[in-house]
Amino acid sequence: MSVANASFACATALVDALAGGGVQHACVSPGSRSTPLALAFARDERVTVHVHVDERSAAFFALGLAAATRDPVALVCTSGTAAVEYHPAIVEASQARVPLLALTADRPPRVRGTGANQTIDQVELYGTAARAYLEPPLPGSPDDADAWFDTGLRALEEARGRMPGPVHVDCPFDEPLVPDGPAAWTRRAAPVAPTEDVDPEAVGPALDAFLATYADRRGVIAIGGLRPPQTLSLLSLGELLGWPVLAEPLSGLRLDASGAGRALAAGQQLIADEAWVARHRPDVVLQVGAAPTTRATQRLVAGADTVVVLDRDHLDPDPHGIADRRIAVEPETFAALAWDRRDDLATPSGEWLDTWRRADLRVHAAIDRLLDTWDEPFEGRVARDLGSFVPHGGVLWVGSSMPVRDLDAFLAPRRPPRIWNPSDLLRVMANRGASGIDGSVATILGVAAADRKPIYALIGDVSFLVDAGSLLWAGTSGPDVVIVVIANRGGQIFSLLDQAALPELDELFLTPHPADIGAVCAAARVGHQRVDRSGALLSVLEDAARAGGVQVVEVAADPALQRARRTEVRDIVSATLARAD
């Protein structure tokens, strides 16, 4: 058998293992060395192939698709710097526990280190960001296909392991690369992936120890990033303990479920007020899920007498090593067992929780009244209104920097659907593993490709422009998605940080840009509308959703006015809280 046909047989065996194990999508970038892999995916009817000219965009598209479906997505590229372009998305996938399969074509091992054209050292290219590095043998005969099939099974096992994430499979191929016939491979049944072990035996003792030690103390529950919730049990835990619940939007639990529990509406505003926290400092903070992303929550955790981490999934939910105890069980299972035992628990006095909730209601109402008087767009109101606008079952993807912070600060708790179905909740997504702004547009398009609709996004203008190349390839054939872009002329988050005092603020940090977002959209042949008044946003969103395809809604936000408005919000919060007690 020719080398080309042996390579095609091996690539087909690898793809057979992946497709049989549940891989339904592959993002392929054109290249010569990757020809056997590209053909194998294209000729397997079980896999949908997405072609991306830019490997960096392909990787972030795959990231969004894998995050939305929670299934591994394959990436295919040629050798050399093409493989390097995957690295930022691989890092984000590693931090965010998203399963990706980076299949990088490579030159034969014998030419490594010889200066051969388009040959770089791809061995362990992604370092510790990859859960595993795998390299099947250089194809020389059909007998090598068995090892390639086994490599595919191993890749899936590692990507879906106890700590899901990206896997690098470096695939060496010799020339010639184009086969002259069908693959000499007979499909095999891939082993059924084992169900995840929830370890129920550990939950009861962990709950008993927690309740015995902390249940009679004044606490706060801070819920960070989680898997999409299947129950309301973590909100109900707050009711059982008499503790207020701070739920980041990414947790999916910024909800008001009445007697079943509800998250604070203005929790970030309360804990950002130093005077309030000084008067109502919790004895215990139960940190659920990922480490907090906002500085206010980080300060609350750091200032508590006792911190307990309830998390089973994340790389390091206690990066500063301040937790008194880590309970490494599934949080929803833990909280559900507490609810099952509610008749055996002492009823909390309710005074501590009532104090927080009264203050929360007053602050939330005061902020809403203030925001509704402003005609010029304010970033916090855009986040609030967009978060309320997205219908049940929709997805809101939010960018790093200010958008994710504004959503956390201003998103009101939503009422869950009357008939409980977790898939009907608003799903808030973001690249918060490494919290970068790169690849935002590609990630959004990848989420939209998962066919869970409707899809909306909120990003800053720098994030939008950094990844405008991904928009250019979407064009008129792009998915249905509405991308709201806050046009505040640069990286305005730095004007709220310590860098604001530097004389080089504009030059090195804000980096105001001259780009015309409407012109970029016209070049990409996607829809564009500009909003200059707060009251016009919702009607423009409705028009954009009806139009279909990729639609960009640009919201003009004057930077100086935004800073002034944020000061007004802080002032009214402080004034309201000073009267709350």
Foldseek 3Di string as FASTA:
>chain_A
DDQQLLLLQQLLLLVLLQLLQPAAEEEEADDQLQVSNVVSQVPDPSHDYHYDNQLLLSLLLQQLQQLQVVAEYEYEDEAACSLVSNQVSLQLQLLVQGEYEYEYEAAAPVCEPVPDPRHYPPQCVNPPSALEEAEQHEGDHNVSNVSSNVVSNVSRCSCPDLRHGYYYYYYYGYPPHHDDDDHPYDRDNHDHDDDDDQPVVQLVVVLVVCCVPPLQFAEAEEEEADRQDFDLLVQQLCQLSLHAYQYQVQNLQCACADNSGHHFQQVLLQLVDPVNCVVQQGQEYEYEEAADDDPSVVVSQVPHVAYEYEEAHGPCRPVPPRHPYYRNGDVSSNSVVCVVCSVVGDRHPNPSNVLVRLLRVLLLVLVVVVVVVAWFDALLLVLQVVLVQFFFLAEEEEAAAPGSVSNSRHHHHYYADPPDDSSRGYRYHYSPSVRDLESPVSSQLSNLVSVRDDAEYEYEPVSCVNVLVSLLVCAQVGFFYEYEYEDAFFNLSCCVDPNVPPPCCCVPHRVGDPDDVVVSCVNSNEAEDEDGTSVCVSVVVVVSNVVTGYHYYYYYDHSVVNVVVVVVSSVSSVVSSVPSD
